[in-house]
Amino acid sequence: MNRLEKILAAIACVLAIVVGLLWLKPDILPSDWKAGKYSDTRALVQSDLGKLDLIPAWLPASATGLKLTQNIDSGAGFLFFQFTETDLAGLREVCPRILKPLPELPKQLEADWKPANPDAFYLCPKNTVLAIDGKQRSALLWR
C-alpha cells in the first residue's frame, strides 16, 4: 500500500465513523429547535421566544411552569403549562372540542411535558391541538 492509498483509507475510515455517529445520534448537529422553560406567562412573553407563533393570545396570564420548544423552520412545537382553577372554564371555551377520533399525546415528549390524564382535546387555530387535564390543571398545546 503506497502513501496515497493509506491517506485515502484513513479519510474513508473517518468519514465512515462520522456517518455512523450522525446516523445513531442525529441530535449532535445544531438544529432549528428553540426551547425554554419559564416560571410564568410574563417571563415567557418577555423572553426571546415570546414572539413565536405557537404562543396563543388566549394563554392564561396566570399560567405557570411553562415549557416551550418550537422548530423555527417547520413551525412544529410544544407548549406545556399549568393553570389555575379559575382558568379552566375559559380554556375549555377557546377552541372546538374534539370528540372522535381522539388524538394521542406526542410520544416523543417526556412525561413531565404532558398532562398526566387529559380529559379533553381541542382543535385550535394554526392547526394546533390542546390537551387539558382538568384535575391536575395542566395542558399541552402542540403542532
N, C-alpha and C. Protein backbone atom coordinates (compact mmCIF):
# COMPACT_ATOMS: atom_id res chain seq x y z
N MET A 1 0.85 -1.17 0.00
CA MET A 1 0.00 0.00 0.00
C MET A 1 0.90 1.24 0.00
N ASN A 2 0.70 2.08 -1.00
CA ASN A 2 1.54 3.28 -1.03
C ASN A 2 0.94 4.37 -0.15
N ARG A 3 1.61 5.46 -0.06
CA ARG A 3 1.23 6.55 0.85
C ARG A 3 -0.15 7.13 0.51
N LEU A 4 -0.45 7.33 -0.76
CA LEU A 4 -1.74 7.87 -1.18
C LEU A 4 -2.88 6.94 -0.79
N GLU A 5 -2.69 5.65 -0.98
CA GLU A 5 -3.71 4.68 -0.61
C GLU A 5 -3.97 4.69 0.90
N LYS A 6 -2.91 4.86 1.69
CA LYS A 6 -3.07 4.92 3.15
C LYS A 6 -3.86 6.16 3.56
N ILE A 7 -3.57 7.29 2.92
CA ILE A 7 -4.28 8.53 3.23
C ILE A 7 -5.76 8.40 2.86
N LEU A 8 -6.03 7.85 1.67
CA LEU A 8 -7.42 7.66 1.24
C LEU A 8 -8.16 6.68 2.16
N ALA A 9 -7.49 5.64 2.60
CA ALA A 9 -8.10 4.68 3.52
C ALA A 9 -8.42 5.35 4.86
N ALA A 10 -7.52 6.20 5.34
CA ALA A 10 -7.76 6.92 6.60
C ALA A 10 -8.94 7.88 6.46
N ILE A 11 -9.02 8.59 5.33
CA ILE A 11 -10.14 9.51 5.10
C ILE A 11 -11.46 8.73 5.05
N ALA A 12 -11.46 7.60 4.35
CA ALA A 12 -12.67 6.77 4.26
C ALA A 12 -13.08 6.27 5.64
N CYS A 13 -12.12 5.92 6.45
CA CYS A 13 -12.41 5.44 7.81
C CYS A 13 -13.03 6.55 8.66
N VAL A 14 -12.48 7.74 8.60
CA VAL A 14 -13.01 8.88 9.35
C VAL A 14 -14.43 9.22 8.88
N LEU A 15 -14.64 9.23 7.57
CA LEU A 15 -15.99 9.50 7.04
C LEU A 15 -16.99 8.45 7.50
N ALA A 16 -16.59 7.20 7.52
CA ALA A 16 -17.48 6.13 7.98
C ALA A 16 -17.86 6.34 9.45
N ILE A 17 -16.92 6.74 10.26
CA ILE A 17 -17.20 6.99 11.68
C ILE A 17 -18.16 8.17 11.83
N VAL A 18 -17.92 9.25 11.09
CA VAL A 18 -18.79 10.43 11.17
C VAL A 18 -20.21 10.09 10.73
N VAL A 19 -20.34 9.38 9.62
CA VAL A 19 -21.67 8.99 9.13
C VAL A 19 -22.36 8.09 10.16
N GLY A 20 -21.62 7.18 10.73
CA GLY A 20 -22.18 6.30 11.76
C GLY A 20 -22.67 7.08 12.97
N LEU A 21 -21.90 8.04 13.43
CA LEU A 21 -22.31 8.86 14.57
C LEU A 21 -23.56 9.68 14.25
N LEU A 22 -23.60 10.26 13.07
CA LEU A 22 -24.77 11.05 12.68
C LEU A 22 -26.01 10.17 12.53
N TRP A 23 -25.82 8.95 12.12
CA TRP A 23 -26.94 8.02 11.98
C TRP A 23 -27.50 7.65 13.36
N LEU A 24 -26.61 7.39 14.30
CA LEU A 24 -27.03 6.96 15.63
C LEU A 24 -27.44 8.13 16.53
N LYS A 25 -26.82 9.26 16.36
CA LYS A 25 -27.08 10.43 17.21
C LYS A 25 -27.32 11.67 16.34
N PRO A 26 -28.46 11.77 15.67
CA PRO A 26 -28.68 12.93 14.80
C PRO A 26 -28.79 14.25 15.56
N ASP A 27 -29.05 14.18 16.86
CA ASP A 27 -29.20 15.40 17.64
C ASP A 27 -27.87 16.09 17.99
N ILE A 28 -26.73 15.52 17.55
CA ILE A 28 -25.46 16.19 17.86
C ILE A 28 -25.21 17.36 16.93
N LEU A 29 -25.94 17.43 15.82
CA LEU A 29 -25.82 18.59 14.94
C LEU A 29 -26.74 19.70 15.45
N PRO A 30 -26.37 20.94 15.24
CA PRO A 30 -27.26 22.02 15.66
C PRO A 30 -28.58 21.93 14.89
N SER A 31 -29.67 22.22 15.54
CA SER A 31 -30.97 22.15 14.89
C SER A 31 -31.65 23.51 14.92
N ASP A 32 -32.78 23.56 14.29
CA ASP A 32 -33.55 24.79 14.25
C ASP A 32 -34.59 24.84 15.36
N TRP A 33 -34.43 24.00 16.37
CA TRP A 33 -35.36 23.98 17.51
C TRP A 33 -34.90 25.00 18.54
N LYS A 34 -35.85 25.78 19.02
CA LYS A 34 -35.60 26.73 20.11
C LYS A 34 -36.42 26.25 21.30
N ALA A 35 -35.86 26.35 22.49
CA ALA A 35 -36.56 25.84 23.67
C ALA A 35 -36.27 26.71 24.88
N GLY A 36 -37.20 26.67 25.83
CA GLY A 36 -37.02 27.39 27.07
C GLY A 36 -38.05 26.98 28.11
N LYS A 37 -37.72 27.24 29.36
CA LYS A 37 -38.63 27.00 30.48
C LYS A 37 -38.84 28.32 31.19
N TYR A 38 -40.09 28.57 31.60
CA TYR A 38 -40.44 29.87 32.17
C TYR A 38 -41.35 29.68 33.38
N SER A 39 -41.15 30.51 34.37
CA SER A 39 -41.93 30.40 35.61
C SER A 39 -43.37 30.83 35.41
N ASP A 40 -43.59 31.82 34.56
CA ASP A 40 -44.96 32.30 34.33
C ASP A 40 -45.10 32.89 32.93
N THR A 41 -46.32 33.26 32.58
CA THR A 41 -46.60 33.79 31.24
C THR A 41 -45.82 35.06 30.97
N ARG A 42 -45.72 35.90 31.94
CA ARG A 42 -45.00 37.17 31.76
C ARG A 42 -43.54 36.92 31.37
N ALA A 43 -42.89 35.97 32.06
CA ALA A 43 -41.50 35.65 31.75
C ALA A 43 -41.37 35.11 30.33
N LEU A 44 -42.33 34.30 29.89
CA LEU A 44 -42.30 33.77 28.53
C LEU A 44 -42.47 34.89 27.51
N VAL A 45 -43.45 35.73 27.71
CA VAL A 45 -43.73 36.81 26.75
C VAL A 45 -42.55 37.77 26.64
N GLN A 46 -41.83 37.99 27.72
CA GLN A 46 -40.69 38.91 27.71
C GLN A 46 -39.40 38.27 27.21
N SER A 47 -39.42 36.97 26.97
CA SER A 47 -38.21 36.26 26.54
C SER A 47 -38.00 36.40 25.03
N ASP A 48 -36.86 35.88 24.58
CA ASP A 48 -36.57 35.86 23.15
C ASP A 48 -37.57 35.00 22.38
N LEU A 49 -38.13 33.99 23.03
CA LEU A 49 -39.07 33.09 22.37
C LEU A 49 -40.52 33.58 22.47
N GLY A 50 -40.72 34.70 23.14
CA GLY A 50 -42.06 35.22 23.36
C GLY A 50 -42.82 35.61 22.11
N LYS A 51 -42.14 35.71 21.00
CA LYS A 51 -42.78 36.11 19.74
C LYS A 51 -43.12 34.92 18.84
N LEU A 52 -42.80 33.71 19.27
CA LEU A 52 -43.08 32.54 18.45
C LEU A 52 -44.58 32.38 18.23
N ASP A 53 -44.96 31.89 17.06
CA ASP A 53 -46.38 31.80 16.72
C ASP A 53 -47.11 30.66 17.41
N LEU A 54 -46.40 29.80 18.13
CA LEU A 54 -47.06 28.74 18.88
C LEU A 54 -47.72 29.27 20.15
N ILE A 55 -47.32 30.43 20.62
CA ILE A 55 -47.87 31.00 21.84
C ILE A 55 -49.19 31.69 21.50
N PRO A 56 -50.31 31.15 22.00
CA PRO A 56 -51.61 31.71 21.63
C PRO A 56 -51.95 32.95 22.44
N ALA A 57 -52.79 33.79 21.86
CA ALA A 57 -53.23 35.01 22.56
C ALA A 57 -54.05 34.67 23.79
N TRP A 58 -54.70 33.50 23.79
CA TRP A 58 -55.56 33.12 24.91
C TRP A 58 -54.81 32.42 26.06
N LEU A 59 -53.50 32.33 25.97
CA LEU A 59 -52.72 31.71 27.06
C LEU A 59 -53.00 32.47 28.35
N PRO A 60 -53.45 31.77 29.40
CA PRO A 60 -53.79 32.47 30.64
C PRO A 60 -52.61 33.27 31.20
N ALA A 61 -52.88 34.48 31.63
CA ALA A 61 -51.84 35.33 32.22
C ALA A 61 -51.29 34.70 33.49
N SER A 62 -52.09 33.86 34.14
CA SER A 62 -51.66 33.23 35.40
C SER A 62 -51.00 31.87 35.19
N ALA A 63 -50.77 31.47 33.93
CA ALA A 63 -50.13 30.18 33.67
C ALA A 63 -48.73 30.14 34.29
N THR A 64 -48.35 28.97 34.77
CA THR A 64 -47.04 28.78 35.40
C THR A 64 -46.39 27.52 34.84
N GLY A 65 -45.12 27.33 35.18
CA GLY A 65 -44.42 26.11 34.78
C GLY A 65 -44.41 25.89 33.28
N LEU A 66 -44.24 26.95 32.52
CA LEU A 66 -44.31 26.86 31.06
C LEU A 66 -43.03 26.25 30.50
N LYS A 67 -43.21 25.35 29.52
CA LYS A 67 -42.09 24.75 28.79
C LYS A 67 -42.44 24.87 27.32
N LEU A 68 -41.51 25.41 26.55
CA LEU A 68 -41.77 25.66 25.13
C LEU A 68 -40.62 25.14 24.30
N THR A 69 -40.93 24.47 23.21
CA THR A 69 -39.94 24.12 22.20
C THR A 69 -40.63 24.20 20.85
N GLN A 70 -39.96 24.86 19.89
CA GLN A 70 -40.55 25.01 18.57
C GLN A 70 -39.46 24.99 17.51
N ASN A 71 -39.75 24.30 16.41
CA ASN A 71 -38.86 24.28 15.27
C ASN A 71 -39.14 25.52 14.44
N ILE A 72 -38.15 26.36 14.27
CA ILE A 72 -38.32 27.64 13.59
C ILE A 72 -38.69 27.43 12.12
N ASP A 73 -38.11 26.43 11.47
CA ASP A 73 -38.37 26.21 10.05
C ASP A 73 -39.75 25.61 9.78
N SER A 74 -40.08 24.52 10.46
CA SER A 74 -41.33 23.81 10.17
C SER A 74 -42.53 24.36 10.94
N GLY A 75 -42.30 25.05 12.05
CA GLY A 75 -43.40 25.54 12.88
C GLY A 75 -43.90 24.52 13.89
N ALA A 76 -43.42 23.27 13.79
CA ALA A 76 -43.81 22.25 14.77
C ALA A 76 -43.33 22.67 16.14
N GLY A 77 -44.10 22.34 17.17
CA GLY A 77 -43.67 22.71 18.50
C GLY A 77 -44.60 22.22 19.58
N PHE A 78 -44.19 22.47 20.83
CA PHE A 78 -44.92 22.03 22.01
C PHE A 78 -44.88 23.13 23.06
N LEU A 79 -46.01 23.36 23.70
CA LEU A 79 -46.10 24.32 24.80
C LEU A 79 -46.86 23.66 25.93
N PHE A 80 -46.17 23.40 27.04
CA PHE A 80 -46.79 22.82 28.23
C PHE A 80 -46.95 23.94 29.25
N PHE A 81 -48.08 23.92 29.97
CA PHE A 81 -48.27 24.91 31.04
C PHE A 81 -49.25 24.39 32.07
N GLN A 82 -49.17 24.98 33.23
CA GLN A 82 -50.12 24.70 34.31
C GLN A 82 -50.98 25.94 34.49
N PHE A 83 -52.21 25.74 34.92
CA PHE A 83 -53.14 26.85 35.04
C PHE A 83 -53.92 26.75 36.33
N THR A 84 -54.62 27.82 36.67
CA THR A 84 -55.40 27.86 37.91
C THR A 84 -56.80 27.32 37.67
N GLU A 85 -57.47 27.00 38.73
CA GLU A 85 -58.86 26.52 38.67
C GLU A 85 -59.76 27.53 37.96
N THR A 86 -59.52 28.80 38.20
CA THR A 86 -60.36 29.83 37.57
C THR A 86 -60.14 29.93 36.06
N ASP A 87 -59.01 29.45 35.56
CA ASP A 87 -58.73 29.49 34.13
C ASP A 87 -59.33 28.30 33.38
N LEU A 88 -59.73 27.25 34.09
CA LEU A 88 -60.18 26.02 33.46
C LEU A 88 -61.36 26.25 32.52
N ALA A 89 -62.39 26.93 32.96
CA ALA A 89 -63.58 27.14 32.13
C ALA A 89 -63.23 27.93 30.87
N GLY A 90 -62.41 28.95 31.01
CA GLY A 90 -62.00 29.75 29.86
C GLY A 90 -61.20 28.94 28.84
N LEU A 91 -60.32 28.08 29.33
CA LEU A 91 -59.53 27.24 28.42
C LEU A 91 -60.42 26.28 27.64
N ARG A 92 -61.45 25.78 28.29
CA ARG A 92 -62.35 24.83 27.63
C ARG A 92 -63.20 25.50 26.55
N GLU A 93 -63.21 26.82 26.51
CA GLU A 93 -64.03 27.52 25.53
C GLU A 93 -63.24 28.15 24.39
N VAL A 94 -61.91 28.10 24.41
CA VAL A 94 -61.12 28.81 23.41
C VAL A 94 -61.13 28.14 22.04
N CYS A 95 -61.32 26.83 22.01
CA CYS A 95 -61.27 26.09 20.75
C CYS A 95 -62.37 25.02 20.75
N PRO A 96 -62.80 24.58 19.56
CA PRO A 96 -63.80 23.50 19.50
C PRO A 96 -63.23 22.18 20.03
N ARG A 97 -64.05 21.46 20.76
CA ARG A 97 -63.63 20.19 21.35
C ARG A 97 -63.62 19.10 20.30
N ILE A 98 -62.61 18.23 20.39
CA ILE A 98 -62.51 17.07 19.50
C ILE A 98 -63.21 15.92 20.21
N LEU A 99 -64.24 15.38 19.60
CA LEU A 99 -64.98 14.27 20.22
C LEU A 99 -64.46 12.92 19.75
N LYS A 100 -64.29 12.75 18.45
CA LYS A 100 -63.75 11.50 17.91
C LYS A 100 -63.12 11.78 16.57
N PRO A 101 -62.10 11.13 16.17
CA PRO A 101 -61.22 10.29 16.98
C PRO A 101 -60.32 11.17 17.85
N LEU A 102 -60.10 10.73 19.05
CA LEU A 102 -59.25 11.49 19.97
C LEU A 102 -57.79 11.36 19.56
N PRO A 103 -57.08 12.46 19.52
CA PRO A 103 -55.65 12.39 19.20
C PRO A 103 -54.86 11.77 20.35
N GLU A 104 -53.68 11.32 20.02
CA GLU A 104 -52.77 10.81 21.05
C GLU A 104 -51.78 11.92 21.41
N LEU A 105 -51.36 11.91 22.66
CA LEU A 105 -50.30 12.84 23.06
C LEU A 105 -49.03 12.47 22.32
N PRO A 106 -48.22 13.45 21.98
CA PRO A 106 -46.96 13.15 21.27
C PRO A 106 -46.08 12.20 22.07
N LYS A 107 -45.66 11.13 21.43
CA LYS A 107 -44.86 10.09 22.11
C LYS A 107 -43.42 10.53 22.36
N GLN A 108 -42.91 11.47 21.57
CA GLN A 108 -41.51 11.86 21.71
C GLN A 108 -41.24 12.74 22.92
N LEU A 109 -42.29 13.19 23.60
CA LEU A 109 -42.10 14.05 24.77
C LEU A 109 -41.95 13.23 26.04
N GLU A 110 -41.16 13.75 26.95
CA GLU A 110 -41.03 13.12 28.26
C GLU A 110 -42.29 13.37 29.07
N ALA A 111 -42.51 12.57 30.10
CA ALA A 111 -43.75 12.63 30.88
C ALA A 111 -43.99 13.99 31.51
N ASP A 112 -42.95 14.70 31.93
CA ASP A 112 -43.16 15.99 32.58
C ASP A 112 -43.56 17.09 31.60
N TRP A 113 -43.62 16.76 30.31
CA TRP A 113 -44.08 17.71 29.29
C TRP A 113 -45.54 17.44 28.91
N LYS A 114 -46.15 16.43 29.51
CA LYS A 114 -47.51 16.04 29.12
C LYS A 114 -48.47 16.13 30.30
N PRO A 115 -49.74 16.46 30.03
CA PRO A 115 -50.75 16.34 31.08
C PRO A 115 -50.87 14.86 31.45
N ALA A 116 -50.97 14.55 32.74
CA ALA A 116 -50.99 13.17 33.19
C ALA A 116 -52.16 12.38 32.62
N ASN A 117 -53.36 12.92 32.74
CA ASN A 117 -54.57 12.24 32.27
C ASN A 117 -55.47 13.24 31.57
N PRO A 118 -55.21 13.54 30.30
CA PRO A 118 -56.05 14.53 29.62
C PRO A 118 -57.50 14.07 29.57
N ASP A 119 -58.40 14.97 29.94
CA ASP A 119 -59.82 14.63 29.91
C ASP A 119 -60.53 15.25 28.72
N ALA A 120 -59.82 16.09 27.95
CA ALA A 120 -60.42 16.70 26.76
C ALA A 120 -59.32 17.18 25.81
N PHE A 121 -59.66 17.11 24.51
CA PHE A 121 -58.77 17.59 23.46
C PHE A 121 -59.53 18.62 22.64
N TYR A 122 -58.80 19.64 22.14
CA TYR A 122 -59.42 20.72 21.39
C TYR A 122 -58.59 21.01 20.15
N LEU A 123 -59.28 21.37 19.06
CA LEU A 123 -58.61 21.76 17.83
C LEU A 123 -58.60 23.28 17.77
N CYS A 124 -57.41 23.85 17.81
CA CYS A 124 -57.25 25.30 17.90
C CYS A 124 -56.71 25.87 16.58
N PRO A 125 -56.71 27.21 16.46
CA PRO A 125 -56.19 27.84 15.24
C PRO A 125 -54.74 27.44 14.96
N LYS A 126 -54.34 27.63 13.72
CA LYS A 126 -52.99 27.32 13.25
C LYS A 126 -52.69 25.84 13.35
N ASN A 127 -53.75 25.02 13.22
CA ASN A 127 -53.61 23.56 13.22
C ASN A 127 -52.93 23.03 14.48
N THR A 128 -53.28 23.59 15.62
CA THR A 128 -52.72 23.13 16.89
C THR A 128 -53.76 22.33 17.65
N VAL A 129 -53.29 21.46 18.51
CA VAL A 129 -54.15 20.63 19.35
C VAL A 129 -53.85 20.97 20.80
N LEU A 130 -54.90 21.10 21.60
CA LEU A 130 -54.77 21.40 23.02
C LEU A 130 -55.31 20.22 23.82
N ALA A 131 -54.50 19.67 24.70
CA ALA A 131 -54.93 18.61 25.61
C ALA A 131 -54.97 19.20 27.02
N ILE A 132 -56.09 19.00 27.71
CA ILE A 132 -56.25 19.56 29.05
C ILE A 132 -56.50 18.44 30.06
N ASP A 133 -55.78 18.52 31.18
CA ASP A 133 -56.03 17.66 32.33
C ASP A 133 -56.63 18.57 33.40
N GLY A 134 -57.96 18.53 33.53
CA GLY A 134 -58.67 19.41 34.46
C GLY A 134 -58.34 19.15 35.92
N LYS A 135 -58.11 17.90 36.28
CA LYS A 135 -57.80 17.58 37.68
C LYS A 135 -56.43 18.12 38.09
N GLN A 136 -55.44 17.86 37.26
CA GLN A 136 -54.07 18.29 37.57
C GLN A 136 -53.81 19.74 37.14
N ARG A 137 -54.77 20.33 36.43
CA ARG A 137 -54.67 21.69 35.91
C ARG A 137 -53.38 21.90 35.11
N SER A 138 -53.23 21.04 34.10
CA SER A 138 -52.09 21.17 33.19
C SER A 138 -52.58 20.99 31.76
N ALA A 139 -51.82 21.54 30.82
CA ALA A 139 -52.23 21.48 29.42
C ALA A 139 -51.00 21.39 28.52
N LEU A 140 -51.22 20.83 27.34
CA LEU A 140 -50.20 20.76 26.32
C LEU A 140 -50.82 21.22 25.01
N LEU A 141 -50.16 22.18 24.37
CA LEU A 141 -50.56 22.66 23.06
C LEU A 141 -49.46 22.23 22.09
N TRP A 142 -49.83 21.60 20.97
CA TRP A 142 -48.79 21.17 20.03
C TRP A 142 -49.27 21.28 18.59
N ARG A 143 -48.26 21.34 17.75
CA ARG A 143 -48.49 21.39 16.30
C ARG A 143 -47.47 20.45 15.67
